[in-house]
């Protein structure tokens, strides 16, 4: 019995040692249903209802120290800026390229499917502080990637809609990529 406990302990120690969380840059965590802005309308629905991509962009902009006309980026301030600057198209859809009008420091790289990048390529982008917004839950939700584990099986995220800290590479259906310097 002691030998079995020792073996389990060793296996657990090895598995924990091989999983090292790397978060190369810190971003604020904004919740889209926060009472300060959750009920603000985008076009037809509220930030709480459909503001995950916009909230993820807001976290990235704030984390990089980029302001919206000298105002810190929050889901409320970014939503207002987008409404005033043709930042939404169709039915509550964020026009990602509109963010480049906030500052020359923001560059829209593009929208990509999950198969366009390997896990190693996404890890490389995160390490280079490229903004990687991950599309998860079969395309229904967006989160800001802030890190990964050393075994490259998990992305650590700022999730504006849920209390999730991680999603797996297999959970990803797409990416929205920005450079913000």
N, C-alpha and C. Protein backbone atom coordinates (compact mmCIF):
# COMPACT_ATOMS: atom_id res chain seq x y z
N UNK A 1 0.82 -1.20 0.00
CA UNK A 1 0.00 0.00 0.00
C UNK A 1 0.86 1.26 0.00
N UNK A 2 1.94 1.24 0.83
CA UNK A 2 2.83 2.39 0.87
C UNK A 2 3.52 2.59 -0.48
N UNK A 3 3.86 1.50 -1.12
CA UNK A 3 4.50 1.58 -2.43
C UNK A 3 3.54 2.20 -3.46
N UNK A 4 2.28 1.82 -3.40
CA UNK A 4 1.28 2.38 -4.31
C UNK A 4 1.12 3.87 -4.07
N UNK A 5 1.03 4.30 -2.82
CA UNK A 5 0.91 5.72 -2.51
C UNK A 5 2.14 6.49 -2.98
N UNK A 6 3.31 5.91 -2.80
CA UNK A 6 4.54 6.54 -3.26
C UNK A 6 4.53 6.68 -4.78
N UNK A 7 4.12 5.66 -5.47
CA UNK A 7 4.06 5.69 -6.93
C UNK A 7 3.07 6.75 -7.42
N UNK A 8 1.90 6.81 -6.83
CA UNK A 8 0.90 7.83 -7.19
C UNK A 8 1.45 9.22 -6.92
N UNK A 9 2.12 9.39 -5.80
CA UNK A 9 2.71 10.68 -5.45
C UNK A 9 3.77 11.10 -6.47
N UNK A 10 4.59 10.18 -6.89
CA UNK A 10 5.63 10.47 -7.88
C UNK A 10 5.00 10.85 -9.22
N UNK A 11 4.02 10.09 -9.65
CA UNK A 11 3.35 10.38 -10.93
C UNK A 11 2.68 11.74 -10.88
N UNK A 12 2.02 12.05 -9.79
CA UNK A 12 1.37 13.35 -9.64
C UNK A 12 2.40 14.47 -9.66
N UNK A 13 3.50 14.29 -8.98
CA UNK A 13 4.56 15.30 -8.96
C UNK A 13 5.13 15.54 -10.35
N UNK A 14 5.34 14.48 -11.10
CA UNK A 14 5.87 14.61 -12.45
C UNK A 14 4.88 15.34 -13.34
N UNK A 15 3.61 14.99 -13.26
CA UNK A 15 2.62 15.65 -14.11
C UNK A 15 2.46 17.12 -13.75
N UNK A 16 2.52 17.46 -12.47
CA UNK A 16 2.43 18.85 -12.07
C UNK A 16 3.66 19.63 -12.50
N UNK A 17 4.81 19.01 -12.41
CA UNK A 17 6.06 19.68 -12.79
C UNK A 17 6.12 19.94 -14.28
N UNK A 18 5.48 19.12 -15.09
CA UNK A 18 5.54 19.29 -16.54
C UNK A 18 4.53 20.32 -17.04
N UNK A 19 3.68 20.82 -16.20
CA UNK A 19 2.69 21.81 -16.59
C UNK A 19 3.01 23.13 -15.90
N UNK A 20 3.65 24.02 -16.64
CA UNK A 20 4.04 25.32 -16.09
C UNK A 20 3.27 26.40 -16.83
N UNK A 21 2.53 27.20 -16.08
CA UNK A 21 1.73 28.27 -16.66
C UNK A 21 2.65 29.43 -17.05
N UNK A 22 2.49 29.91 -18.28
CA UNK A 22 3.24 31.07 -18.76
C UNK A 22 2.23 32.14 -19.15
N UNK A 23 2.31 33.28 -18.48
CA UNK A 23 1.48 34.44 -18.82
C UNK A 23 2.44 35.61 -19.04
N UNK A 24 2.82 35.86 -20.31
CA UNK A 24 3.88 36.82 -20.58
C UNK A 24 3.50 38.29 -20.40
N UNK A 25 2.20 38.59 -20.36
CA UNK A 25 1.77 39.99 -20.27
C UNK A 25 0.42 40.02 -19.56
N UNK A 26 0.21 41.02 -18.75
CA UNK A 26 -1.02 41.10 -17.96
C UNK A 26 -2.04 42.05 -18.60
N UNK A 27 -3.27 41.61 -18.64
CA UNK A 27 -4.38 42.41 -19.16
C UNK A 27 -5.47 42.49 -18.10
N UNK A 28 -6.24 43.59 -18.06
CA UNK A 28 -7.36 43.64 -17.12
C UNK A 28 -8.42 42.62 -17.52
N UNK A 29 -9.17 42.16 -16.54
CA UNK A 29 -10.30 41.26 -16.80
C UNK A 29 -11.58 42.06 -16.65
N UNK A 30 -12.31 42.22 -17.74
CA UNK A 30 -13.61 42.87 -17.72
C UNK A 30 -14.68 41.82 -17.96
N UNK A 31 -15.75 41.90 -17.19
CA UNK A 31 -16.89 41.01 -17.39
C UNK A 31 -17.97 41.74 -18.17
N UNK A 32 -18.46 41.12 -19.22
CA UNK A 32 -19.43 41.80 -20.08
C UNK A 32 -20.76 42.07 -19.38
N UNK A 33 -21.08 41.34 -18.34
CA UNK A 33 -22.34 41.58 -17.61
C UNK A 33 -22.14 42.43 -16.36
N UNK A 34 -20.98 43.05 -16.22
CA UNK A 34 -20.71 43.97 -15.12
C UNK A 34 -21.83 45.02 -15.08
N UNK A 35 -22.30 45.34 -13.88
CA UNK A 35 -23.42 46.28 -13.75
C UNK A 35 -23.10 47.67 -14.27
N UNK A 36 -21.81 47.99 -14.41
CA UNK A 36 -21.44 49.32 -14.92
C UNK A 36 -21.73 49.46 -16.41
N UNK A 37 -21.82 48.35 -17.15
CA UNK A 37 -22.04 48.45 -18.60
C UNK A 37 -22.85 47.30 -19.20
N UNK A 38 -23.15 46.29 -18.45
CA UNK A 38 -23.83 45.11 -18.99
C UNK A 38 -25.13 45.40 -19.72
N UNK A 39 -25.88 46.39 -19.26
CA UNK A 39 -27.16 46.72 -19.89
C UNK A 39 -27.05 47.74 -21.01
N UNK A 40 -25.85 48.24 -21.29
CA UNK A 40 -25.67 49.19 -22.39
C UNK A 40 -25.94 48.48 -23.71
N UNK A 41 -26.72 49.13 -24.57
CA UNK A 41 -27.04 48.53 -25.86
C UNK A 41 -25.89 48.70 -26.84
N UNK A 42 -25.69 47.68 -27.64
CA UNK A 42 -24.73 47.77 -28.75
C UNK A 42 -25.51 48.35 -29.93
N UNK A 43 -26.37 47.58 -30.53
CA UNK A 43 -27.33 48.07 -31.52
C UNK A 43 -28.70 47.58 -31.11
N UNK A 44 -28.90 46.27 -31.16
CA UNK A 44 -30.18 45.68 -30.79
C UNK A 44 -30.13 44.89 -29.48
N UNK A 45 -28.94 44.47 -29.09
CA UNK A 45 -28.78 43.69 -27.87
C UNK A 45 -27.76 44.39 -26.96
N UNK A 46 -27.63 43.88 -25.75
CA UNK A 46 -26.76 44.53 -24.77
C UNK A 46 -25.34 43.94 -24.79
N UNK A 47 -24.44 44.65 -24.12
CA UNK A 47 -23.08 44.15 -23.94
C UNK A 47 -23.12 42.81 -23.22
N UNK A 48 -23.98 42.70 -22.22
CA UNK A 48 -24.10 41.44 -21.48
C UNK A 48 -24.51 40.29 -22.42
N UNK A 49 -25.42 40.58 -23.34
CA UNK A 49 -25.92 39.54 -24.25
C UNK A 49 -24.90 39.09 -25.29
N UNK A 50 -24.24 40.05 -25.94
CA UNK A 50 -23.42 39.71 -27.11
C UNK A 50 -22.08 40.45 -27.17
N UNK A 51 -21.60 40.93 -26.04
CA UNK A 51 -20.40 41.77 -26.05
C UNK A 51 -19.09 41.09 -25.79
N UNK A 52 -18.98 39.80 -26.05
CA UNK A 52 -17.74 39.09 -25.71
C UNK A 52 -16.55 39.50 -26.57
N UNK A 53 -16.73 39.66 -27.87
CA UNK A 53 -15.63 40.06 -28.74
C UNK A 53 -15.21 41.49 -28.42
N UNK A 54 -16.17 42.38 -28.30
CA UNK A 54 -15.87 43.77 -27.99
C UNK A 54 -15.20 43.89 -26.62
N UNK A 55 -15.67 43.14 -25.62
CA UNK A 55 -15.06 43.17 -24.29
C UNK A 55 -13.63 42.63 -24.33
N UNK A 56 -13.39 41.60 -25.12
CA UNK A 56 -12.03 41.07 -25.28
C UNK A 56 -11.12 42.12 -25.91
N UNK A 57 -11.62 42.83 -26.91
CA UNK A 57 -10.84 43.91 -27.53
C UNK A 57 -10.57 45.02 -26.52
N UNK A 58 -11.56 45.33 -25.71
CA UNK A 58 -11.40 46.37 -24.70
C UNK A 58 -10.31 46.02 -23.69
N UNK A 59 -10.27 44.76 -23.27
CA UNK A 59 -9.22 44.32 -22.34
C UNK A 59 -7.84 44.47 -22.98
N UNK A 60 -7.74 44.10 -24.26
CA UNK A 60 -6.45 44.20 -24.96
C UNK A 60 -6.01 45.66 -25.08
N UNK A 61 -6.92 46.53 -25.48
CA UNK A 61 -6.61 47.95 -25.65
C UNK A 61 -6.18 48.56 -24.32
N UNK A 62 -6.93 48.28 -23.26
CA UNK A 62 -6.58 48.82 -21.94
C UNK A 62 -5.25 48.26 -21.46
N UNK A 63 -5.04 46.97 -21.67
CA UNK A 63 -3.79 46.35 -21.23
C UNK A 63 -2.57 46.92 -21.92
N UNK A 64 -2.74 47.36 -23.15
CA UNK A 64 -1.63 47.96 -23.90
C UNK A 64 -1.49 49.46 -23.62
N UNK A 65 -2.37 50.01 -22.77
CA UNK A 65 -2.26 51.42 -22.40
C UNK A 65 -2.74 52.38 -23.48
N UNK A 66 -3.49 51.88 -24.44
CA UNK A 66 -4.05 52.72 -25.50
C UNK A 66 -5.37 53.28 -25.00
N UNK A 67 -5.57 54.58 -25.16
CA UNK A 67 -6.81 55.20 -24.67
C UNK A 67 -7.73 55.57 -25.83
N UNK A 68 -8.98 55.78 -25.48
CA UNK A 68 -10.01 56.21 -26.43
C UNK A 68 -10.25 57.69 -26.17
N UNK A 69 -9.61 58.55 -26.93
CA UNK A 69 -9.71 59.99 -26.71
C UNK A 69 -9.41 60.33 -25.25
N UNK A 70 -8.31 59.80 -24.74
CA UNK A 70 -7.82 60.00 -23.36
C UNK A 70 -8.70 59.36 -22.30
N UNK A 71 -9.52 58.40 -22.67
CA UNK A 71 -10.36 57.66 -21.73
C UNK A 71 -9.88 56.20 -21.74
N UNK A 72 -9.75 55.61 -20.55
CA UNK A 72 -9.35 54.20 -20.45
C UNK A 72 -10.39 53.32 -21.14
N UNK A 73 -9.92 52.35 -21.87
CA UNK A 73 -10.82 51.43 -22.55
C UNK A 73 -11.48 50.47 -21.56
N UNK A 74 -12.81 50.48 -21.54
CA UNK A 74 -13.64 49.51 -20.83
C UNK A 74 -14.70 49.07 -21.83
N UNK A 75 -15.47 48.04 -21.55
CA UNK A 75 -16.56 47.72 -22.47
C UNK A 75 -17.51 48.90 -22.70
N UNK A 76 -17.75 49.71 -21.68
CA UNK A 76 -18.63 50.87 -21.84
C UNK A 76 -18.02 51.91 -22.77
N UNK A 77 -16.76 52.28 -22.51
CA UNK A 77 -16.14 53.34 -23.32
C UNK A 77 -15.87 52.87 -24.75
N UNK A 78 -15.44 51.62 -24.92
CA UNK A 78 -15.20 51.12 -26.28
C UNK A 78 -16.51 51.00 -27.04
N UNK A 79 -17.56 50.53 -26.40
CA UNK A 79 -18.87 50.43 -27.05
C UNK A 79 -19.32 51.80 -27.53
N UNK A 80 -19.21 52.81 -26.67
CA UNK A 80 -19.60 54.17 -27.06
C UNK A 80 -18.78 54.66 -28.23
N UNK A 81 -17.47 54.43 -28.18
CA UNK A 81 -16.59 54.87 -29.27
C UNK A 81 -16.99 54.17 -30.57
N UNK A 82 -17.24 52.88 -30.51
CA UNK A 82 -17.63 52.12 -31.70
C UNK A 82 -18.96 52.61 -32.27
N UNK A 83 -19.91 52.94 -31.40
CA UNK A 83 -21.20 53.45 -31.88
C UNK A 83 -21.02 54.77 -32.62
N UNK A 84 -20.14 55.62 -32.12
CA UNK A 84 -19.92 56.95 -32.72
C UNK A 84 -19.00 56.91 -33.94
N UNK A 85 -18.32 55.81 -34.15
CA UNK A 85 -17.31 55.75 -35.20
C UNK A 85 -17.51 54.58 -36.17
N UNK A 86 -18.77 54.23 -36.42
CA UNK A 86 -19.12 53.18 -37.38
C UNK A 86 -18.37 51.88 -37.12
N UNK A 87 -18.33 51.49 -35.86
CA UNK A 87 -17.59 50.30 -35.47
C UNK A 87 -18.41 49.02 -35.45
N UNK A 88 -19.70 49.14 -35.71
CA UNK A 88 -20.55 47.96 -35.76
C UNK A 88 -21.18 47.86 -37.14
N UNK A 89 -21.36 46.63 -37.60
CA UNK A 89 -22.04 46.38 -38.87
C UNK A 89 -23.14 45.36 -38.62
N UNK A 90 -24.16 45.42 -39.45
CA UNK A 90 -25.23 44.43 -39.33
C UNK A 90 -25.88 44.46 -37.97
N UNK A 91 -26.10 43.30 -37.44
CA UNK A 91 -26.85 43.13 -36.20
C UNK A 91 -25.89 42.91 -35.03
N UNK A 92 -25.37 43.99 -34.45
CA UNK A 92 -24.49 43.94 -33.28
C UNK A 92 -23.12 43.30 -33.56
N UNK A 93 -22.68 43.32 -34.80
CA UNK A 93 -21.39 42.71 -35.15
C UNK A 93 -20.28 43.76 -35.13
N UNK A 94 -19.22 43.46 -34.40
CA UNK A 94 -18.07 44.34 -34.33
C UNK A 94 -17.31 44.30 -35.66
N UNK A 95 -17.00 45.46 -36.19
CA UNK A 95 -16.15 45.58 -37.37
C UNK A 95 -14.72 45.75 -36.86
N UNK A 96 -13.97 44.64 -36.83
CA UNK A 96 -12.65 44.64 -36.20
C UNK A 96 -11.72 45.70 -36.77
N UNK A 97 -11.78 45.95 -38.06
CA UNK A 97 -10.89 46.93 -38.67
C UNK A 97 -11.16 48.35 -38.17
N UNK A 98 -12.34 48.60 -37.62
CA UNK A 98 -12.66 49.92 -37.07
C UNK A 98 -11.74 50.28 -35.91
N UNK A 99 -11.23 49.28 -35.21
CA UNK A 99 -10.36 49.56 -34.06
C UNK A 99 -9.08 50.26 -34.47
N UNK A 100 -8.67 50.12 -35.72
CA UNK A 100 -7.44 50.79 -36.18
C UNK A 100 -7.60 52.31 -36.18
N UNK A 101 -8.83 52.80 -36.19
CA UNK A 101 -9.07 54.25 -36.17
C UNK A 101 -8.90 54.84 -34.77
N UNK A 102 -8.82 53.99 -33.75
CA UNK A 102 -8.59 54.47 -32.38
C UNK A 102 -7.19 55.04 -32.26
N UNK A 103 -6.23 54.32 -32.83
CA UNK A 103 -4.82 54.71 -32.69
C UNK A 103 -4.00 54.02 -33.77
N UNK A 104 -2.95 54.69 -34.25
CA UNK A 104 -2.05 54.01 -35.18
C UNK A 104 -1.33 52.83 -34.54
N UNK A 105 -1.37 52.73 -33.23
CA UNK A 105 -0.73 51.61 -32.52
C UNK A 105 -1.52 50.31 -32.68
N UNK A 106 -2.76 50.39 -33.17
CA UNK A 106 -3.59 49.19 -33.35
C UNK A 106 -3.59 48.80 -34.82
N UNK A 107 -3.22 47.57 -35.07
CA UNK A 107 -3.22 47.03 -36.43
C UNK A 107 -4.07 45.76 -36.46
N UNK A 108 -5.05 45.74 -37.34
CA UNK A 108 -5.90 44.56 -37.54
C UNK A 108 -5.15 43.61 -38.46
N UNK A 109 -4.83 42.43 -37.96
CA UNK A 109 -4.10 41.43 -38.76
C UNK A 109 -5.08 40.57 -39.53
N UNK A 110 -6.15 40.09 -38.84
CA UNK A 110 -7.14 39.32 -39.57
C UNK A 110 -7.91 38.33 -38.73
N UNK A 111 -8.86 37.70 -39.41
CA UNK A 111 -9.71 36.67 -38.83
C UNK A 111 -9.28 35.34 -39.44
N UNK A 112 -9.09 34.34 -38.58
CA UNK A 112 -8.53 33.07 -39.04
C UNK A 112 -9.32 31.90 -38.47
N UNK A 113 -9.29 30.79 -39.18
CA UNK A 113 -9.91 29.57 -38.66
C UNK A 113 -8.91 28.85 -37.75
N UNK A 114 -9.40 27.93 -36.98
CA UNK A 114 -8.56 27.20 -36.03
C UNK A 114 -7.42 26.48 -36.73
N UNK A 115 -7.67 25.96 -37.91
CA UNK A 115 -6.66 25.18 -38.62
C UNK A 115 -5.54 26.03 -39.22
N UNK A 116 -5.69 27.35 -39.19
CA UNK A 116 -4.66 28.22 -39.76
C UNK A 116 -3.39 28.30 -38.91
N UNK A 117 -3.49 27.96 -37.62
CA UNK A 117 -2.33 28.05 -36.73
C UNK A 117 -2.19 26.79 -35.90
N UNK A 118 -0.96 26.36 -35.73
CA UNK A 118 -0.68 25.28 -34.77
C UNK A 118 -0.66 25.88 -33.37
N UNK A 119 -0.70 25.02 -32.38
CA UNK A 119 -0.58 25.48 -31.00
C UNK A 119 0.73 26.24 -30.81
N UNK A 120 1.82 25.72 -31.37
CA UNK A 120 3.12 26.38 -31.23
C UNK A 120 3.11 27.78 -31.85
N UNK A 121 2.42 27.94 -32.98
CA UNK A 121 2.35 29.27 -33.62
C UNK A 121 1.57 30.25 -32.76
N UNK A 122 0.49 29.79 -32.14
CA UNK A 122 -0.29 30.67 -31.25
C UNK A 122 0.53 31.02 -30.02
N UNK A 123 1.23 30.05 -29.45
CA UNK A 123 2.10 30.31 -28.30
C UNK A 123 3.15 31.35 -28.67
N UNK A 124 3.72 31.24 -29.86
CA UNK A 124 4.71 32.22 -30.32
C UNK A 124 4.10 33.62 -30.39
N UNK A 125 2.87 33.73 -30.91
CA UNK A 125 2.20 35.03 -30.97
C UNK A 125 1.99 35.59 -29.57
N UNK A 126 1.52 34.76 -28.65
CA UNK A 126 1.28 35.22 -27.28
C UNK A 126 2.60 35.69 -26.66
N UNK A 127 3.67 34.95 -26.88
CA UNK A 127 4.98 35.36 -26.34
C UNK A 127 5.46 36.68 -26.93
N UNK A 128 5.07 36.97 -28.17
CA UNK A 128 5.45 38.23 -28.82
C UNK A 128 4.47 39.35 -28.49
N UNK A 129 3.51 39.07 -27.61
CA UNK A 129 2.49 40.02 -27.18
C UNK A 129 1.58 40.47 -28.32
N UNK A 130 1.44 39.61 -29.32
CA UNK A 130 0.41 39.80 -30.34
C UNK A 130 -0.93 39.53 -29.66
N UNK A 131 -1.93 40.32 -29.98
CA UNK A 131 -3.25 40.12 -29.39
C UNK A 131 -3.92 38.96 -30.11
N UNK A 132 -4.25 37.92 -29.34
CA UNK A 132 -4.91 36.73 -29.88
C UNK A 132 -6.24 36.59 -29.15
N UNK A 133 -7.31 36.79 -29.90
CA UNK A 133 -8.66 36.59 -29.36
C UNK A 133 -9.15 35.27 -29.94
N UNK A 134 -9.54 34.39 -29.05
CA UNK A 134 -9.89 33.02 -29.43
C UNK A 134 -11.41 32.87 -29.50
N UNK A 135 -11.88 32.26 -30.58
CA UNK A 135 -13.29 31.94 -30.76
C UNK A 135 -13.52 30.50 -30.29
N UNK A 136 -14.39 30.34 -29.30
CA UNK A 136 -14.63 29.03 -28.67
C UNK A 136 -16.13 28.74 -28.62
N UNK A 137 -16.47 27.65 -27.98
CA UNK A 137 -17.88 27.22 -27.81
C UNK A 137 -18.58 27.13 -29.16
N UNK A 138 -17.95 26.41 -30.08
CA UNK A 138 -18.46 26.21 -31.44
C UNK A 138 -18.77 27.53 -32.15
N UNK A 139 -17.99 28.56 -31.85
CA UNK A 139 -18.14 29.85 -32.52
C UNK A 139 -19.04 30.83 -31.80
N UNK A 140 -19.57 30.48 -30.65
CA UNK A 140 -20.53 31.33 -29.95
C UNK A 140 -19.90 32.31 -28.97
N UNK A 141 -18.58 32.24 -28.75
CA UNK A 141 -17.98 33.06 -27.69
C UNK A 141 -16.53 33.40 -28.04
N UNK A 142 -16.09 34.58 -27.58
CA UNK A 142 -14.72 35.03 -27.77
C UNK A 142 -14.07 35.31 -26.42
N UNK A 143 -12.77 35.00 -26.32
CA UNK A 143 -11.99 35.25 -25.10
C UNK A 143 -10.61 35.76 -25.51
N UNK A 144 -9.99 36.53 -24.61
CA UNK A 144 -8.64 37.05 -24.84
C UNK A 144 -7.62 36.05 -24.32
N UNK A 145 -6.74 35.56 -25.19
CA UNK A 145 -5.67 34.65 -24.77
C UNK A 145 -4.60 35.47 -24.05
N UNK A 146 -4.27 35.05 -22.83
CA UNK A 146 -3.25 35.77 -22.05
C UNK A 146 -2.05 34.89 -21.74
N UNK A 147 -2.15 33.58 -21.96
CA UNK A 147 -1.04 32.69 -21.66
C UNK A 147 -1.34 31.27 -22.10
N UNK A 148 -0.50 30.36 -21.64
CA UNK A 148 -0.60 28.96 -22.02
C UNK A 148 0.12 28.13 -20.97
N UNK A 149 -0.06 26.82 -21.01
CA UNK A 149 0.74 25.98 -20.12
C UNK A 149 1.91 25.42 -20.91
N UNK A 150 2.96 25.07 -20.20
CA UNK A 150 4.20 24.66 -20.86
C UNK A 150 4.03 23.40 -21.70
N UNK A 151 3.08 22.58 -21.37
CA UNK A 151 2.85 21.37 -22.16
C UNK A 151 2.08 21.66 -23.44
N UNK A 152 1.69 22.93 -23.62
CA UNK A 152 1.00 23.39 -24.83
C UNK A 152 -0.35 22.73 -25.07
N UNK A 153 -1.03 22.38 -24.02
CA UNK A 153 -2.36 21.82 -24.21
C UNK A 153 -3.47 22.80 -23.83
N UNK A 154 -3.13 23.87 -23.13
CA UNK A 154 -4.14 24.82 -22.66
C UNK A 154 -3.77 26.25 -22.98
N UNK A 155 -4.79 27.05 -23.30
CA UNK A 155 -4.66 28.50 -23.35
C UNK A 155 -5.24 29.05 -22.06
N UNK A 156 -4.55 29.97 -21.43
CA UNK A 156 -5.10 30.72 -20.30
C UNK A 156 -5.73 31.97 -20.89
N UNK A 157 -6.92 32.31 -20.38
CA UNK A 157 -7.70 33.36 -21.02
C UNK A 157 -8.30 34.32 -20.00
N UNK A 158 -8.63 35.51 -20.49
CA UNK A 158 -9.54 36.41 -19.80
C UNK A 158 -10.89 36.21 -20.49
N UNK A 159 -11.83 35.63 -19.76
CA UNK A 159 -13.14 35.29 -20.30
C UNK A 159 -14.17 36.26 -19.75
N UNK A 160 -14.70 37.13 -20.62
CA UNK A 160 -15.63 38.16 -20.17
C UNK A 160 -17.01 37.62 -19.83
N UNK A 161 -17.35 36.44 -20.33
CA UNK A 161 -18.70 35.93 -20.15
C UNK A 161 -18.86 34.83 -19.13
N UNK A 162 -17.80 34.11 -18.86
CA UNK A 162 -17.86 32.98 -17.95
C UNK A 162 -16.67 33.03 -17.00
N UNK A 163 -16.65 32.14 -16.04
CA UNK A 163 -15.55 32.09 -15.07
C UNK A 163 -14.46 31.10 -15.49
N UNK A 164 -14.37 30.82 -16.77
CA UNK A 164 -13.35 29.90 -17.27
C UNK A 164 -11.99 30.58 -17.29
N UNK A 165 -10.98 29.87 -16.85
CA UNK A 165 -9.60 30.36 -16.91
C UNK A 165 -8.84 29.78 -18.09
N UNK A 166 -9.32 28.65 -18.62
CA UNK A 166 -8.61 27.98 -19.71
C UNK A 166 -9.58 27.42 -20.75
N UNK A 167 -9.04 27.27 -21.95
CA UNK A 167 -9.67 26.50 -23.02
C UNK A 167 -8.55 25.70 -23.67
N UNK A 168 -8.88 24.54 -24.20
CA UNK A 168 -7.88 23.73 -24.87
C UNK A 168 -7.73 24.18 -26.32
N UNK A 169 -6.63 23.79 -26.92
CA UNK A 169 -6.41 24.05 -28.34
C UNK A 169 -7.55 23.45 -29.16
N UNK A 170 -8.05 22.29 -28.74
CA UNK A 170 -9.15 21.62 -29.45
C UNK A 170 -10.47 22.40 -29.34
N UNK A 171 -10.61 23.26 -28.33
CA UNK A 171 -11.82 24.06 -28.16
C UNK A 171 -11.91 25.20 -29.17
N UNK A 172 -10.80 25.57 -29.77
CA UNK A 172 -10.72 26.76 -30.63
C UNK A 172 -11.32 26.47 -32.00
N UNK A 173 -12.18 27.40 -32.46
CA UNK A 173 -12.71 27.31 -33.83
C UNK A 173 -12.20 28.45 -34.70
N UNK A 174 -11.61 29.47 -34.08
CA UNK A 174 -11.09 30.58 -34.87
C UNK A 174 -10.33 31.58 -34.02
N UNK A 175 -9.75 32.56 -34.71
CA UNK A 175 -8.94 33.59 -34.05
C UNK A 175 -9.23 34.96 -34.66
N UNK A 176 -9.11 35.99 -33.85
CA UNK A 176 -9.06 37.38 -34.30
C UNK A 176 -7.70 37.89 -33.81
N UNK A 177 -6.89 38.38 -34.73
CA UNK A 177 -5.51 38.74 -34.40
C UNK A 177 -5.28 40.24 -34.63
N UNK A 178 -4.66 40.88 -33.64
CA UNK A 178 -4.28 42.29 -33.72
C UNK A 178 -2.84 42.45 -33.27
N UNK A 179 -2.18 43.47 -33.79
CA UNK A 179 -0.93 43.95 -33.21
C UNK A 179 -1.26 45.27 -32.52
N UNK A 180 -0.81 45.43 -31.30
CA UNK A 180 -1.00 46.68 -30.56
C UNK A 180 0.32 47.02 -29.89
N UNK A 181 0.94 48.09 -30.36
CA UNK A 181 2.24 48.48 -29.82
C UNK A 181 2.15 49.76 -29.02
